[in-house]
Amino acid sequence: RLIEDNDALSLNFDFYSNQHKIRISNISSLHHPFSNSANGGTRAQQEQERRDTLQTIQRDRGYVLDAILVRILKARKSISHADLISQVLHQASRQFSVPVGDIKKRIES
């Protein structure tokens, strides 16, 4: 749904949920303050921004995996490959889900 200038948004302070995290989807605005056009940018601009964001996220996750690997390898002087992957999966699962293939790539690099 697009948000118009005359739409009113409010917070429900009585809301309660047992979940630790609540996902809130993004709201599109007709007049986005950082957009060059009135409709929030062309589809090509939006797609490029989405690709740039995904690349940034992947790069940052790679840095996080590197830090986790270094932390584990410094703590344990000797560790099997399976145990290392298991430990990385366990520690990374607190922040994001990571495919095993990504861990193997970071180990090899």
Protein backbone atom coordinates (compact mmCIF):
# COMPACT_ATOMS: atom_id res chain seq x y z
CA ARG A 1 0.00 0.00 0.00
CA LEU A 2 1.22 3.46 -0.78
CA ILE A 3 1.21 6.08 1.95
CA GLU A 4 -0.35 9.39 1.02
CA ASP A 5 0.49 12.76 2.59
CA ASN A 6 -2.90 12.88 4.36
CA ASP A 7 -2.63 9.34 5.88
CA ALA A 8 -2.29 9.15 9.66
CA LEU A 9 -0.05 6.58 11.37
CA SER A 10 -0.14 5.80 15.09
CA LEU A 11 1.47 3.38 17.56
CA ASN A 12 -0.50 0.84 19.55
CA PHE A 13 1.21 0.98 22.95
CA ASP A 14 -1.01 -1.82 24.30
CA PHE A 15 0.31 -4.33 21.72
CA TYR A 16 1.96 -7.40 23.25
CA SER A 17 3.57 -10.42 21.59
CA ASN A 18 5.39 -13.46 22.95
CA GLN A 19 7.75 -13.37 19.98
CA HIS A 20 11.21 -11.92 20.54
CA LYS A 21 11.30 -10.39 17.07
CA ILE A 22 8.46 -8.88 15.12
CA ARG A 23 8.87 -8.35 11.39
CA ILE A 24 7.50 -5.11 10.02
CA SER A 25 7.32 -4.73 6.27
CA ASN A 26 8.53 -1.58 4.56
CA ILE A 27 6.04 1.11 3.67
CA SER A 28 6.23 2.74 0.26
CA SER A 29 5.74 6.45 0.00
CA LEU A 30 4.58 8.38 -3.05
CA HIS A 31 6.87 11.25 -2.10
CA HIS A 32 9.99 9.59 -0.78
CA PRO A 33 12.35 12.36 0.45
CA PHE A 34 15.44 10.73 -1.10
CA SER A 35 13.88 9.93 -4.45
CA ASN A 36 14.37 11.87 -7.67
CA SER A 37 10.93 11.14 -9.05
CA ALA A 38 7.46 11.51 -7.55
CA ASN A 39 6.69 7.78 -7.48
CA GLY A 40 9.74 6.67 -5.46
CA GLY A 41 12.03 6.04 -8.43
CA THR A 42 11.78 4.01 -11.56
CA ARG A 43 11.68 0.24 -11.47
CA ALA A 44 15.25 0.14 -12.77
CA GLN A 45 16.43 2.45 -9.98
CA GLN A 46 14.60 0.38 -7.36
CA GLU A 47 16.05 -2.86 -8.76
CA GLN A 48 19.57 -1.39 -8.78
CA GLU A 49 19.14 -0.21 -5.19
CA ARG A 50 17.93 -3.69 -4.20
CA ARG A 51 20.96 -5.32 -5.86
CA ASP A 52 23.33 -2.87 -4.17
CA THR A 53 21.72 -3.58 -0.81
CA LEU A 54 22.02 -7.35 -1.28
CA GLN A 55 25.70 -7.00 -2.24
CA THR A 56 26.36 -4.92 0.87
CA ILE A 57 24.59 -7.46 3.06
CA GLN A 58 26.57 -10.35 1.53
CA ARG A 59 29.88 -8.48 2.03
CA ASP A 60 29.02 -7.66 5.65
CA ARG A 61 28.00 -11.26 6.35
CA GLY A 62 31.31 -12.42 4.93
CA TYR A 63 33.12 -10.18 7.42
CA VAL A 64 31.02 -11.60 10.25
CA LEU A 65 31.85 -15.16 9.15
CA ASP A 66 35.56 -14.27 9.02
CA ALA A 67 35.39 -12.89 12.56
CA ILE A 68 33.59 -16.00 13.81
CA LEU A 69 36.14 -18.27 12.14
CA VAL A 70 39.08 -16.37 13.62
CA ARG A 71 37.50 -16.38 17.08
CA ILE A 72 36.92 -20.15 16.97
CA LEU A 73 40.35 -20.97 15.54
CA LYS A 74 42.12 -18.81 18.13
CA ALA A 75 40.20 -20.45 20.96
CA ARG A 76 40.94 -23.95 19.69
CA LYS A 77 44.35 -24.67 18.29
CA SER A 78 43.14 -27.86 16.63
CA ILE A 79 39.60 -28.57 15.40
CA SER A 80 38.10 -30.92 12.83
CA HIS A 81 36.47 -29.47 9.73
CA ALA A 82 33.02 -30.77 10.71
CA ASP A 83 33.32 -29.31 14.23
CA LEU A 84 34.47 -25.97 12.82
CA ILE A 85 31.48 -25.75 10.49
CA SER A 86 29.16 -26.78 13.32
CA GLN A 87 30.57 -24.09 15.63
CA VAL A 88 30.31 -21.41 12.92
CA LEU A 89 26.71 -22.39 12.15
CA HIS A 90 25.85 -22.22 15.84
CA GLN A 91 27.43 -18.79 16.39
CA ALA A 92 26.17 -17.30 13.11
CA SER A 93 22.61 -18.52 13.70
CA ARG A 94 22.20 -15.78 16.32
CA GLN A 95 22.56 -13.14 13.60
CA PHE A 96 21.48 -14.71 10.30
CA SER A 97 21.07 -18.08 8.58
CA VAL A 98 24.12 -19.05 6.60
CA PRO A 99 24.45 -21.80 3.97
CA VAL A 100 27.24 -24.30 4.62
CA GLY A 101 28.67 -23.50 1.19
CA ASP A 102 29.30 -19.90 2.26
CA ILE A 103 31.21 -21.10 5.32
CA LYS A 104 33.35 -23.40 3.17
CA LYS A 105 34.14 -20.52 0.80
CA ARG A 106 35.25 -18.31 3.70
CA ILE A 107 37.43 -21.12 5.09
CA GLU A 108 39.13 -21.64 1.72
CA SER A 109 39.75 -17.93 1.11
